[in-house]
Amino acid sequence: MRLKSGIWVAAYIRRCQVEGVPAVVRRRGAEEAGAIFIKVSRLDGTAVLYSPASKSTFDEARPSDRAFTPSVGAKRPAPEAEVEAKLTREIRFDPDVWIIEMEDRQGRHFLQHIVA
């Protein structure tokens, strides 16, 4: 069974705080199962956006884990305007999304499962 989105987000924000990285919930989505997007601002006008990975990439041995994939800025950080445009499209498509924004010059994300 997968954790509710609201609980996962609270734990993730706490993890960022423990690491000394500012993180905030920019948009609160559906408490039960809203999709979660993570924006990592590099504080230089660029960012990377991590989106939920497609269900086909989930590990069958660990079906309850959340997996993410870099959707904007995968090769190198993208301009923040490009990341914001993608988030705007996602909100139009699904108004129940969560958006977490964090700031880290090194681009650390603290996500456990990244699918390239």
PDB file of N, CA and C in Angstrom:
ATOM      1  N   MET A   1       0.838  -1.173   0.000  1.00  0.00           N
ATOM      2  CA  MET A   1       0.000   0.000   0.000  1.00  0.00           C
ATOM      3  C   MET A   1       0.888   1.242   0.000  1.00  0.00           C
ATOM      4  N   ARG A   2       0.565   2.184  -0.818  1.00  0.00           N
ATOM      5  CA  ARG A   2       1.339   3.407  -0.961  1.00  0.00           C
ATOM      6  C   ARG A   2       0.900   4.459   0.064  1.00  0.00           C
ATOM      7  N   LEU A   3       1.865   5.213   0.570  1.00  0.00           N
ATOM      8  CA  LEU A   3       1.546   6.316   1.474  1.00  0.00           C
ATOM      9  C   LEU A   3       0.684   7.352   0.773  1.00  0.00           C
ATOM     10  N   LYS A   4      -0.208   7.982   1.518  1.00  0.00           N
ATOM     11  CA  LYS A   4      -0.982   9.094   0.962  1.00  0.00           C
ATOM     12  C   LYS A   4      -0.017  10.203   0.568  1.00  0.00           C
ATOM     13  N   SER A   5      -0.391  10.955  -0.455  1.00  0.00           N
ATOM     14  CA  SER A   5       0.478  12.029  -0.944  1.00  0.00           C
ATOM     15  C   SER A   5       0.798  13.034   0.151  1.00  0.00           C
ATOM     16  N   GLY A   6      -0.201  13.418   0.933  1.00  0.00           N
ATOM     17  CA  GLY A   6       0.014  14.400   1.984  1.00  0.00           C
ATOM     18  C   GLY A   6       1.051  13.956   3.005  1.00  0.00           C
ATOM     19  N   ILE A   7       1.031  12.696   3.374  1.00  0.00           N
ATOM     20  CA  ILE A   7       2.002  12.158   4.338  1.00  0.00           C
ATOM     21  C   ILE A   7       3.390  12.102   3.706  1.00  0.00           C
ATOM     22  N   TRP A   8       3.476  11.641   2.452  1.00  0.00           N
ATOM     23  CA  TRP A   8       4.764  11.566   1.765  1.00  0.00           C
ATOM     24  C   TRP A   8       5.387  12.954   1.649  1.00  0.00           C
ATOM     25  N   VAL A   9       4.580  13.953   1.282  1.00  0.00           N
ATOM     26  CA  VAL A   9       5.079  15.324   1.134  1.00  0.00           C
ATOM     27  C   VAL A   9       5.612  15.846   2.464  1.00  0.00           C
ATOM     28  N   ALA A  10       4.874  15.634   3.550  1.00  0.00           N
ATOM     29  CA  ALA A  10       5.323  16.101   4.868  1.00  0.00           C
ATOM     30  C   ALA A  10       6.663  15.468   5.238  1.00  0.00           C
ATOM     31  N   ALA A  11       6.814  14.188   4.977  1.00  0.00           N
ATOM     32  CA  ALA A  11       8.073  13.497   5.279  1.00  0.00           C
ATOM     33  C   ALA A  11       9.211  14.030   4.401  1.00  0.00           C
ATOM     34  N   TYR A  12       8.918  14.298   3.133  1.00  0.00           N
ATOM     35  CA  TYR A  12       9.943  14.797   2.219  1.00  0.00           C
ATOM     36  C   TYR A  12      10.404  16.205   2.632  1.00  0.00           C
ATOM     37  N   ILE A  13       9.469  17.059   2.994  1.00  0.00           N
ATOM     38  CA  ILE A  13       9.807  18.415   3.448  1.00  0.00           C
ATOM     39  C   ILE A  13      10.709  18.316   4.690  1.00  0.00           C
ATOM     40  N   ARG A  14      10.354  17.424   5.588  1.00  0.00           N
ATOM     41  CA  ARG A  14      11.158  17.229   6.805  1.00  0.00           C
ATOM     42  C   ARG A  14      12.566  16.751   6.445  1.00  0.00           C
ATOM     43  N   ARG A  15      12.676  15.845   5.501  1.00  0.00           N
ATOM     44  CA  ARG A  15      13.994  15.360   5.065  1.00  0.00           C
ATOM     45  C   ARG A  15      14.850  16.510   4.539  1.00  0.00           C
ATOM     46  N   CYS A  16      14.256  17.380   3.742  1.00  0.00           N
ATOM     47  CA  CYS A  16      14.990  18.531   3.217  1.00  0.00           C
ATOM     48  C   CYS A  16      15.453  19.433   4.358  1.00  0.00           C
ATOM     49  N   GLN A  17      14.574  19.664   5.335  1.00  0.00           N
ATOM     50  CA  GLN A  17      14.928  20.502   6.478  1.00  0.00           C
ATOM     51  C   GLN A  17      16.092  19.908   7.256  1.00  0.00           C
ATOM     52  N   VAL A  18      16.085  18.598   7.457  1.00  0.00           N
ATOM     53  CA  VAL A  18      17.176  17.923   8.166  1.00  0.00           C
ATOM     54  C   VAL A  18      18.502  18.143   7.433  1.00  0.00           C
ATOM     55  N   GLU A  19      18.456  18.166   6.115  1.00  0.00           N
ATOM     56  CA  GLU A  19      19.659  18.368   5.307  1.00  0.00           C
ATOM     57  C   GLU A  19      20.046  19.843   5.200  1.00  0.00           C
ATOM     58  N   GLY A  20      19.225  20.736   5.780  1.00  0.00           N
ATOM     59  CA  GLY A  20      19.515  22.168   5.737  1.00  0.00           C
ATOM     60  C   GLY A  20      19.142  22.839   4.436  1.00  0.00           C
ATOM     61  N   VAL A  21      18.230  22.229   3.695  1.00  0.00           N
ATOM     62  CA  VAL A  21      17.800  22.756   2.405  1.00  0.00           C
ATOM     63  C   VAL A  21      16.364  23.274   2.526  1.00  0.00           C
ATOM     64  N   PRO A  22      16.136  24.552   2.208  1.00  0.00           N
ATOM     65  CA  PRO A  22      14.769  25.085   2.290  1.00  0.00           C
ATOM     66  C   PRO A  22      13.852  24.410   1.261  1.00  0.00           C
ATOM     67  N   ALA A  23      12.679  24.002   1.724  1.00  0.00           N
ATOM     68  CA  ALA A  23      11.681  23.393   0.845  1.00  0.00           C
ATOM     69  C   ALA A  23      10.297  23.806   1.332  1.00  0.00           C
ATOM     70  N   VAL A  24       9.421  24.097   0.388  1.00  0.00           N
ATOM     71  CA  VAL A  24       8.058  24.501   0.729  1.00  0.00           C
ATOM     72  C   VAL A  24       7.059  23.806  -0.190  1.00  0.00           C
ATOM     73  N   VAL A  25       5.841  23.684   0.311  1.00  0.00           N
ATOM     74  CA  VAL A  25       4.742  23.195  -0.524  1.00  0.00           C
ATOM     75  C   VAL A  25       4.172  24.418  -1.233  1.00  0.00           C
ATOM     76  N   ARG A  26       4.384  24.492  -2.524  1.00  0.00           N
ATOM     77  CA  ARG A  26       3.879  25.619  -3.310  1.00  0.00           C
ATOM     78  C   ARG A  26       2.430  25.429  -3.707  1.00  0.00           C
ATOM     79  N   ARG A  27       2.049  24.188  -3.879  1.00  0.00           N
ATOM     80  CA  ARG A  27       0.672  23.878  -4.270  1.00  0.00           C
ATOM     81  C   ARG A  27       0.280  22.581  -3.589  1.00  0.00           C
ATOM     82  N   ARG A  28      -0.815  22.649  -2.869  1.00  0.00           N
ATOM     83  CA  ARG A  28      -1.340  21.474  -2.175  1.00  0.00           C
ATOM     84  C   ARG A  28      -2.316  20.777  -3.110  1.00  0.00           C
ATOM     85  N   GLY A  29      -2.084  19.494  -3.328  1.00  0.00           N
ATOM     86  CA  GLY A  29      -2.933  18.714  -4.220  1.00  0.00           C
ATOM     87  C   GLY A  29      -3.879  17.816  -3.455  1.00  0.00           C
ATOM     88  N   ALA A  30      -4.341  16.794  -4.114  1.00  0.00           N
ATOM     89  CA  ALA A  30      -5.254  15.831  -3.501  1.00  0.00           C
ATOM     90  C   ALA A  30      -4.513  15.079  -2.397  1.00  0.00           C
ATOM     91  N   GLU A  31      -5.089  15.067  -1.218  1.00  0.00           N
ATOM     92  CA  GLU A  31      -4.461  14.468  -0.032  1.00  0.00           C
ATOM     93  C   GLU A  31      -4.181  12.976  -0.209  1.00  0.00           C
ATOM     94  N   GLU A  32      -5.093  12.285  -0.841  1.00  0.00           N
ATOM     95  CA  GLU A  32      -4.984  10.826  -0.965  1.00  0.00           C
ATOM     96  C   GLU A  32      -3.961  10.385  -2.004  1.00  0.00           C
ATOM     97  N   ALA A  33      -4.079  10.924  -3.211  1.00  0.00           N
ATOM     98  CA  ALA A  33      -3.251  10.362  -4.290  1.00  0.00           C
ATOM     99  C   ALA A  33      -2.858  11.380  -5.358  1.00  0.00           C
ATOM    100  N   GLY A  34      -2.710  12.644  -5.002  1.00  0.00           N
ATOM    101  CA  GLY A  34      -2.299  13.639  -5.986  1.00  0.00           C
ATOM    102  C   GLY A  34      -0.873  13.396  -6.471  1.00  0.00           C
ATOM    103  N   ALA A  35      -0.630  13.662  -7.746  1.00  0.00           N
ATOM    104  CA  ALA A  35       0.720  13.533  -8.308  1.00  0.00           C
ATOM    105  C   ALA A  35       1.622  14.595  -7.666  1.00  0.00           C
ATOM    106  N   ILE A  36       2.897  14.255  -7.467  1.00  0.00           N
ATOM    107  CA  ILE A  36       3.834  15.147  -6.792  1.00  0.00           C
ATOM    108  C   ILE A  36       4.944  15.543  -7.762  1.00  0.00           C
ATOM    109  N   PHE A  37       5.170  16.854  -7.880  1.00  0.00           N
ATOM    110  CA  PHE A  37       6.248  17.396  -8.699  1.00  0.00           C
ATOM    111  C   PHE A  37       7.220  18.125  -7.780  1.00  0.00           C
ATOM    112  N   ILE A  38       8.516  17.928  -8.013  1.00  0.00           N
ATOM    113  CA  ILE A  38       9.555  18.531  -7.186  1.00  0.00           C
ATOM    114  C   ILE A  38      10.394  19.454  -8.066  1.00  0.00           C
ATOM    115  N   LYS A  39      10.399  20.746  -7.729  1.00  0.00           N
ATOM    116  CA  LYS A  39      11.234  21.713  -8.443  1.00  0.00           C
ATOM    117  C   LYS A  39      12.444  22.013  -7.575  1.00  0.00           C
ATOM    118  N   VAL A  40      13.635  21.816  -8.135  1.00  0.00           N
ATOM    119  CA  VAL A  40      14.874  22.136  -7.436  1.00  0.00           C
ATOM    120  C   VAL A  40      15.480  23.367  -8.109  1.00  0.00           C
ATOM    121  N   SER A  41      15.361  24.498  -7.424  1.00  0.00           N
ATOM    122  CA  SER A  41      15.935  25.749  -7.928  1.00  0.00           C
ATOM    123  C   SER A  41      17.409  25.794  -7.568  1.00  0.00           C
ATOM    124  N   ARG A  42      18.238  26.104  -8.553  1.00  0.00           N
ATOM    125  CA  ARG A  42      19.691  26.172  -8.334  1.00  0.00           C
ATOM    126  C   ARG A  42      20.135  27.561  -7.874  1.00  0.00           C
ATOM    127  N   LEU A  43      19.216  28.498  -7.731  1.00  0.00           N
ATOM    128  CA  LEU A  43      19.479  29.860  -7.260  1.00  0.00           C
ATOM    129  C   LEU A  43      20.362  30.660  -8.215  1.00  0.00           C
ATOM    130  N   ASP A  44      20.380  30.251  -9.480  1.00  0.00           N
ATOM    131  CA  ASP A  44      21.132  30.987 -10.492  1.00  0.00           C
ATOM    132  C   ASP A  44      20.269  31.229 -11.731  1.00  0.00           C
ATOM    133  N   GLY A  45      18.940  31.108 -11.550  1.00  0.00           N
ATOM    134  CA  GLY A  45      18.021  31.275 -12.672  1.00  0.00           C
ATOM    135  C   GLY A  45      17.694  29.984 -13.383  1.00  0.00           C
ATOM    136  N   THR A  46      18.253  28.867 -12.901  1.00  0.00           N
ATOM    137  CA  THR A  46      17.977  27.567 -13.509  1.00  0.00           C
ATOM    138  C   THR A  46      17.370  26.632 -12.472  1.00  0.00           C
ATOM    139  N   ALA A  47      16.761  25.557 -12.972  1.00  0.00           N
ATOM    140  CA  ALA A  47      16.113  24.585 -12.087  1.00  0.00           C
ATOM    141  C   ALA A  47      15.997  23.247 -12.801  1.00  0.00           C
ATOM    142  N   VAL A  48      15.664  22.228 -12.010  1.00  0.00           N
ATOM    143  CA  VAL A  48      15.358  20.895 -12.536  1.00  0.00           C
ATOM    144  C   VAL A  48      14.000  20.512 -11.962  1.00  0.00           C
ATOM    145  N   LEU A  49      13.153  19.919 -12.800  1.00  0.00           N
ATOM    146  CA  LEU A  49      11.833  19.477 -12.359  1.00  0.00           C
ATOM    147  C   LEU A  49      11.786  17.956 -12.391  1.00  0.00           C
ATOM    148  N   TYR A  50      11.400  17.375 -11.252  1.00  0.00           N
ATOM    149  CA  TYR A  50      11.226  15.925 -11.147  1.00  0.00           C
ATOM    150  C   TYR A  50       9.735  15.632 -11.119  1.00  0.00           C
ATOM    151  N   SER A  51       9.313  14.740 -11.997  1.00  0.00           N
ATOM    152  CA  SER A  51       7.907  14.364 -12.143  1.00  0.00           C
ATOM    153  C   SER A  51       7.722  12.904 -11.761  1.00  0.00           C
ATOM    154  N   PRO A  52       6.490  12.508 -11.461  1.00  0.00           N
ATOM    155  CA  PRO A  52       6.256  11.088 -11.169  1.00  0.00           C
ATOM    156  C   PRO A  52       6.644  10.238 -12.378  1.00  0.00           C
ATOM    157  N   ALA A  53       7.348   9.152 -12.130  1.00  0.00           N
ATOM    158  CA  ALA A  53       7.723   8.237 -13.206  1.00  0.00           C
ATOM    159  C   ALA A  53       6.486   7.456 -13.650  1.00  0.00           C
ATOM    160  N   SER A  54       6.490   7.018 -14.887  1.00  0.00           N
ATOM    161  CA  SER A  54       5.352   6.247 -15.390  1.00  0.00           C
ATOM    162  C   SER A  54       5.246   4.923 -14.646  1.00  0.00           C
ATOM    163  N   LYS A  55       4.057   4.394 -14.562  1.00  0.00           N
ATOM    164  CA  LYS A  55       3.826   3.154 -13.815  1.00  0.00           C
ATOM    165  C   LYS A  55       4.619   1.978 -14.373  1.00  0.00           C
ATOM    166  N   SER A  56       4.967   2.023 -15.632  1.00  0.00           N
ATOM    167  CA  SER A  56       5.705   0.916 -16.232  1.00  0.00           C
ATOM    168  C   SER A  56       7.143   0.827 -15.704  1.00  0.00           C
ATOM    169  N   THR A  57       7.625   1.878 -15.043  1.00  0.00           N
ATOM    170  CA  THR A  57       8.999   1.871 -14.541  1.00  0.00           C
ATOM    171  C   THR A  57       9.101   1.446 -13.076  1.00  0.00           C
ATOM    172  N   PHE A  58       7.975   1.132 -12.438  1.00  0.00           N
ATOM    173  CA  PHE A  58       8.001   0.766 -11.028  1.00  0.00           C
ATOM    174  C   PHE A  58       8.627  -0.604 -10.834  1.00  0.00           C
ATOM    175  N   ASP A  59       9.309  -0.747  -9.734  1.00  0.00           N
ATOM    176  CA  ASP A  59       9.949  -1.995  -9.344  1.00  0.00           C
ATOM    177  C   ASP A  59       8.870  -2.918  -8.780  1.00  0.00           C
ATOM    178  N   GLU A  60       8.680  -4.059  -9.388  1.00  0.00           N
ATOM    179  CA  GLU A  60       7.659  -5.001  -8.931  1.00  0.00           C
ATOM    180  C   GLU A  60       7.905  -5.474  -7.497  1.00  0.00           C
ATOM    181  N   ALA A  61       9.165  -5.510  -7.087  1.00  0.00           N
ATOM    182  CA  ALA A  61       9.484  -5.943  -5.730  1.00  0.00           C
ATOM    183  C   ALA A  61       9.128  -4.878  -4.688  1.00  0.00           C
ATOM    184  N   ARG A  62       9.011  -3.628  -5.134  1.00  0.00           N
ATOM    185  CA  ARG A  62       8.690  -2.523  -4.235  1.00  0.00           C
ATOM    186  C   ARG A  62       7.600  -1.652  -4.846  1.00  0.00           C
ATOM    187  N   PRO A  63       6.399  -2.174  -5.038  1.00  0.00           N
ATOM    188  CA  PRO A  63       5.345  -1.431  -5.745  1.00  0.00           C
ATOM    189  C   PRO A  63       4.833  -0.209  -4.987  1.00  0.00           C
ATOM    190  N   SER A  64       5.120  -0.109  -3.686  1.00  0.00           N
ATOM    191  CA  SER A  64       4.602   1.022  -2.917  1.00  0.00           C
ATOM    192  C   SER A  64       5.516   2.238  -2.966  1.00  0.00           C
ATOM    193  N   ASP A  65       6.744   2.090  -3.467  1.00  0.00           N
ATOM    194  CA  ASP A  65       7.680   3.211  -3.532  1.00  0.00           C
ATOM    195  C   ASP A  65       7.279   4.194  -4.622  1.00  0.00           C
ATOM    196  N   ARG A  66       7.560   5.457  -4.388  1.00  0.00           N
ATOM    197  CA  ARG A  66       7.349   6.477  -5.412  1.00  0.00           C
ATOM    198  C   ARG A  66       8.632   6.607  -6.220  1.00  0.00           C
ATOM    199  N   ALA A  67       8.496   6.704  -7.512  1.00  0.00           N
ATOM    200  CA  ALA A  67       9.646   6.891  -8.395  1.00  0.00           C
ATOM    201  C   ALA A  67       9.461   8.201  -9.150  1.00  0.00           C
ATOM    202  N   PHE A  68      10.566   8.877  -9.408  1.00  0.00           N
ATOM    203  CA  PHE A  68      10.531  10.161 -10.106  1.00  0.00           C
ATOM    204  C   PHE A  68      11.470  10.118 -11.287  1.00  0.00           C
ATOM    205  N   THR A  69      11.218  11.006 -12.224  1.00  0.00           N
ATOM    206  CA  THR A  69      12.075  11.139 -13.390  1.00  0.00           C
ATOM    207  C   THR A  69      12.284  12.629 -13.657  1.00  0.00           C
ATOM    208  N   PRO A  70      13.491  13.026 -14.041  1.00  0.00           N
ATOM    209  CA  PRO A  70      13.688  14.439 -14.375  1.00  0.00           C
ATOM    210  C   PRO A  70      12.954  14.757 -15.678  1.00  0.00           C
ATOM    211  N   SER A  71      11.998  15.677 -15.621  1.00  0.00           N
ATOM    212  CA  SER A  71      11.205  15.963 -16.816  1.00  0.00           C
ATOM    213  C   SER A  71      11.636  17.248 -17.520  1.00  0.00           C
ATOM    214  N   VAL A  72      12.202  18.195 -16.793  1.00  0.00           N
ATOM    215  CA  VAL A  72      12.767  19.411 -17.391  1.00  0.00           C
ATOM    216  C   VAL A  72      14.125  19.617 -16.735  1.00  0.00           C
ATOM    217  N   GLY A  73      15.134  19.811 -17.546  1.00  0.00           N
ATOM    218  CA  GLY A  73      16.473  20.015 -17.013  1.00  0.00           C
ATOM    219  C   GLY A  73      17.204  18.717 -16.729  1.00  0.00           C
ATOM    220  N   ALA A  74      16.855  17.659 -17.434  1.00  0.00           N
ATOM    221  CA  ALA A  74      17.452  16.345 -17.175  1.00  0.00           C
ATOM    222  C   ALA A  74      18.952  16.318 -17.462  1.00  0.00           C
ATOM    223  N   LYS A  75      19.370  16.842 -18.570  1.00  0.00           N
ATOM    224  CA  LYS A  75      20.790  16.815 -18.941  1.00  0.00           C
ATOM    225  C   LYS A  75      21.580  17.880 -18.188  1.00  0.00           C
ATOM    226  N   ARG A  76      21.003  19.062 -18.124  1.00  0.00           N
ATOM    227  CA  ARG A  76      21.587  20.169 -17.356  1.00  0.00           C
ATOM    228  C   ARG A  76      20.424  21.058 -16.921  1.00  0.00           C
ATOM    229  N   PRO A  77      20.606  21.812 -15.846  1.00  0.00           N
ATOM    230  CA  PRO A  77      19.502  22.650 -15.358  1.00  0.00           C
ATOM    231  C   PRO A  77      18.954  23.559 -16.461  1.00  0.00           C
ATOM    232  N   ALA A  78      17.633  23.708 -16.469  1.00  0.00           N
ATOM    233  CA  ALA A  78      16.947  24.513 -17.475  1.00  0.00           C
ATOM    234  C   ALA A  78      16.581  25.880 -16.895  1.00  0.00           C
ATOM    235  N   PRO A  79      16.297  26.860 -17.758  1.00  0.00           N
ATOM    236  CA  PRO A  79      15.827  28.148 -17.244  1.00  0.00           C
ATOM    237  C   PRO A  79      14.547  27.948 -16.417  1.00  0.00           C
ATOM    238  N   GLU A  80      14.429  28.695 -15.327  1.00  0.00           N
ATOM    239  CA  GLU A  80      13.258  28.543 -14.455  1.00  0.00           C
ATOM    240  C   GLU A  80      11.957  28.778 -15.204  1.00  0.00           C
ATOM    241  N   ALA A  81      11.951  29.653 -16.197  1.00  0.00           N
ATOM    242  CA  ALA A  81      10.731  29.916 -16.969  1.00  0.00           C
ATOM    243  C   ALA A  81      10.251  28.648 -17.676  1.00  0.00           C
ATOM    244  N   GLU A  82      11.172  27.826 -18.134  1.00  0.00           N
ATOM    245  CA  GLU A  82      10.820  26.558 -18.801  1.00  0.00           C
ATOM    246  C   GLU A  82      10.173  25.589 -17.802  1.00  0.00           C
ATOM    247  N   VAL A  83      10.719  25.539 -16.602  1.00  0.00           N
ATOM    248  CA  VAL A  83      10.156  24.686 -15.550  1.00  0.00           C
ATOM    249  C   VAL A  83       8.760  25.180 -15.171  1.00  0.00           C
ATOM    250  N   GLU A  84       8.610  26.488 -15.025  1.00  0.00           N
ATOM    251  CA  GLU A  84       7.309  27.052 -14.658  1.00  0.00           C
ATOM    252  C   GLU A  84       6.258  26.806 -15.746  1.00  0.00           C
ATOM    253  N   ALA A  85       6.672  26.866 -17.001  1.00  0.00           N
ATOM    254  CA  ALA A  85       5.739  26.584 -18.106  1.00  0.00           C
ATOM    255  C   ALA A  85       5.244  25.141 -18.031  1.00  0.00           C
ATOM    256  N   LYS A  86       6.147  24.216 -17.736  1.00  0.00           N
ATOM    257  CA  LYS A  86       5.760  22.804 -17.603  1.00  0.00           C
ATOM    258  C   LYS A  86       4.799  22.623 -16.430  1.00  0.00           C
ATOM    259  N   LEU A  87       5.064  23.275 -15.307  1.00  0.00           N
ATOM    260  CA  LEU A  87       4.170  23.175 -14.150  1.00  0.00           C
ATOM    261  C   LEU A  87       2.791  23.746 -14.462  1.00  0.00           C
ATOM    262  N   THR A  88       2.739  24.834 -15.191  1.00  0.00           N
ATOM    263  CA  THR A  88       1.451  25.425 -15.586  1.00  0.00           C
ATOM    264  C   THR A  88       0.650  24.444 -16.428  1.00  0.00           C
ATOM    265  N   ARG A  89       1.315  23.761 -17.369  1.00  0.00           N
ATOM    266  CA  ARG A  89       0.625  22.764 -18.199  1.00  0.00           C
ATOM    267  C   ARG A  89       0.128  21.602 -17.342  1.00  0.00           C
ATOM    268  N   GLU A  90       0.921  21.166 -16.389  1.00  0.00           N
ATOM    269  CA  GLU A  90       0.516  20.056 -15.521  1.00  0.00           C
ATOM    270  C   GLU A  90      -0.700  20.424 -14.678  1.00  0.00           C
ATOM    271  N   ILE A  91      -0.733  21.650 -14.168  1.00  0.00           N
ATOM    272  CA  ILE A  91      -1.879  22.104 -13.359  1.00  0.00           C
ATOM    273  C   ILE A  91      -3.145  22.148 -14.210  1.00  0.00           C
ATOM    274  N   ARG A  92      -3.023  22.595 -15.453  1.00  0.00           N
ATOM    275  CA  ARG A  92      -4.196  22.614 -16.347  1.00  0.00           C
ATOM    276  C   ARG A  92      -4.699  21.199 -16.619  1.00  0.00           C
ATOM    277  N   PHE A  93      -3.765  20.265 -16.767  1.00  0.00           N
ATOM    278  CA  PHE A  93      -4.115  18.877 -17.050  1.00  0.00           C
ATOM    279  C   PHE A  93      -4.715  18.191 -15.821  1.00  0.00           C
ATOM    280  N   ASP A  94      -4.125  18.442 -14.651  1.00  0.00           N
ATOM    281  CA  ASP A  94      -4.570  17.810 -13.412  1.00  0.00           C
ATOM    282  C   ASP A  94      -4.475  18.814 -12.266  1.00  0.00           C
ATOM    283  N   PRO A  95      -5.591  19.432 -11.890  1.00  0.00           N
ATOM    284  CA  PRO A  95      -5.552  20.445 -10.829  1.00  0.00           C
ATOM    285  C   PRO A  95      -5.263  19.890  -9.435  1.00  0.00           C
ATOM    286  N   ASP A  96      -5.170  18.572  -9.275  1.00  0.00           N
ATOM    287  CA  ASP A  96      -4.907  17.963  -7.974  1.00  0.00           C
ATOM    288  C   ASP A  96      -3.429  17.679  -7.715  1.00  0.00           C
ATOM    289  N   VAL A  97      -2.527  18.269  -8.500  1.00  0.00           N
ATOM    290  CA  VAL A  97      -1.094  18.005  -8.324  1.00  0.00           C
ATOM    291  C   VAL A  97      -0.527  18.755  -7.122  1.00  0.00           C
ATOM    292  N   TRP A  98       0.502  18.177  -6.550  1.00  0.00           N
ATOM    293  CA  TRP A  98       1.300  18.814  -5.506  1.00  0.00           C
ATOM    294  C   TRP A  98       2.540  19.382  -6.169  1.00  0.00           C
ATOM    295  N   ILE A  99       2.991  20.564  -5.707  1.00  0.00           N
ATOM    296  CA  ILE A  99       4.261  21.122  -6.175  1.00  0.00           C
ATOM    297  C   ILE A  99       5.092  21.469  -4.946  1.00  0.00           C
ATOM    298  N   ILE A 100       6.254  20.870  -4.876  1.00  0.00           N
ATOM    299  CA  ILE A 100       7.212  21.172  -3.821  1.00  0.00           C
ATOM    300  C   ILE A 100       8.357  21.917  -4.482  1.00  0.00           C
ATOM    301  N   GLU A 101       8.746  23.024  -3.879  1.00  0.00           N
ATOM    302  CA  GLU A 101       9.885  23.778  -4.413  1.00  0.00           C
ATOM    303  C   GLU A 101      10.973  23.838  -3.350  1.00  0.00           C
ATOM    304  N   MET A 102      12.170  23.518  -3.772  1.00  0.00           N
ATOM    305  CA  MET A 102      13.312  23.574  -2.870  1.00  0.00           C
ATOM    306  C   MET A 102      14.431  24.347  -3.537  1.00  0.00           C
ATOM    307  N   GLU A 103      15.356  24.855  -2.716  1.00  0.00           N
ATOM    308  CA  GLU A 103      16.471  25.647  -3.225  1.00  0.00           C
ATOM    309  C   GLU A 103      17.781  25.009  -2.782  1.00  0.00           C
ATOM    310  N   ASP A 104      18.605  24.654  -3.768  1.00  0.00           N
ATOM    311  CA  ASP A 104      19.906  24.073  -3.451  1.00  0.00           C
ATOM    312  C   ASP A 104      20.862  24.358  -4.607  1.00  0.00           C
ATOM    313  N   ARG A 105      21.905  25.099  -4.329  1.00  0.00           N
ATOM    314  CA  ARG A 105      22.881  25.445  -5.380  1.00  0.00           C
ATOM    315  C   ARG A 105      23.522  24.210  -6.001  1.00  0.00           C
ATOM    316  N   GLN A 106      23.643  23.146  -5.227  1.00  0.00           N
ATOM    317  CA  GLN A 106      24.256  21.914  -5.726  1.00  0.00           C
ATOM    318  C   GLN A 106      23.265  21.050  -6.503  1.00  0.00           C
ATOM    319  N   GLY A 107      21.983  21.364  -6.432  1.00  0.00           N
ATOM    320  CA  GLY A 107      20.973  20.604  -7.169  1.00  0.00           C
ATOM    321  C   GLY A 107      20.587  19.297  -6.515  1.00  0.00           C
ATOM    322  N   ARG A 108      20.866  19.148  -5.215  1.00  0.00           N
ATOM    323  CA  ARG A 108      20.495  17.910  -4.522  1.00  0.00           C
ATOM    324  C   ARG A 108      18.974  17.811  -4.435  1.00  0.00           C
ATOM    325  N   HIS A 109      18.462  16.591  -4.542  1.00  0.00           N
ATOM    326  CA  HIS A 109      17.005  16.406  -4.536  1.00  0.00           C
ATOM    327  C   HIS A 109      16.525  15.486  -3.422  1.00  0.00           C
ATOM    328  N   PHE A 110      17.360  14.634  -2.882  1.00  0.00           N
ATOM    329  CA  PHE A 110      17.032  13.729  -1.779  1.00  0.00           C
ATOM    330  C   PHE A 110      15.922  12.733  -2.112  1.00  0.00           C
ATOM    331  N   LEU A 111      15.691  12.487  -3.388  1.00  0.00           N
ATOM    332  CA  LEU A 111      14.701  11.493  -3.808  1.00  0.00           C
ATOM    333  C   LEU A 111      15.388  10.134  -3.864  1.00  0.00           C
ATOM    334  N   GLN A 112      14.715   9.111  -3.387  1.00  0.00           N
ATOM    335  CA  GLN A 112      15.322   7.789  -3.316  1.00  0.00           C
ATOM    336  C   GLN A 112      15.309   7.045  -4.646  1.00  0.00           C
ATOM    337  N   HIS A 113      14.263   7.215  -5.438  1.00  0.00           N
ATOM    338  CA  HIS A 113      14.125   6.427  -6.668  1.00  0.00           C
ATOM    339  C   HIS A 113      13.987   7.363  -7.863  1.00  0.00           C
ATOM    340  N   ILE A 114      15.080   7.483  -8.631  1.00  0.00           N
ATOM    341  CA  ILE A 114      15.098   8.298  -9.835  1.00  0.00           C
ATOM    342  C   ILE A 114      15.208   7.356 -11.028  1.00  0.00           C
ATOM    343  N   VAL A 115      14.296   7.518 -11.968  1.00  0.00           N
ATOM    344  CA  VAL A 115      14.313   6.729 -13.194  1.00  0.00           C
ATOM    345  C   VAL A 115      14.713   7.656 -14.320  1.00  0.00           C
ATOM    346  N   ALA A 116      15.782   7.337 -14.996  1.00  0.00           N
ATOM    347  CA  ALA A 116      16.281   8.210 -16.067  1.00  0.00           C
ATOM    348  C   ALA A 116      15.512   7.998 -17.351  1.00  0.00           C
TER     349      ALA A 116
END
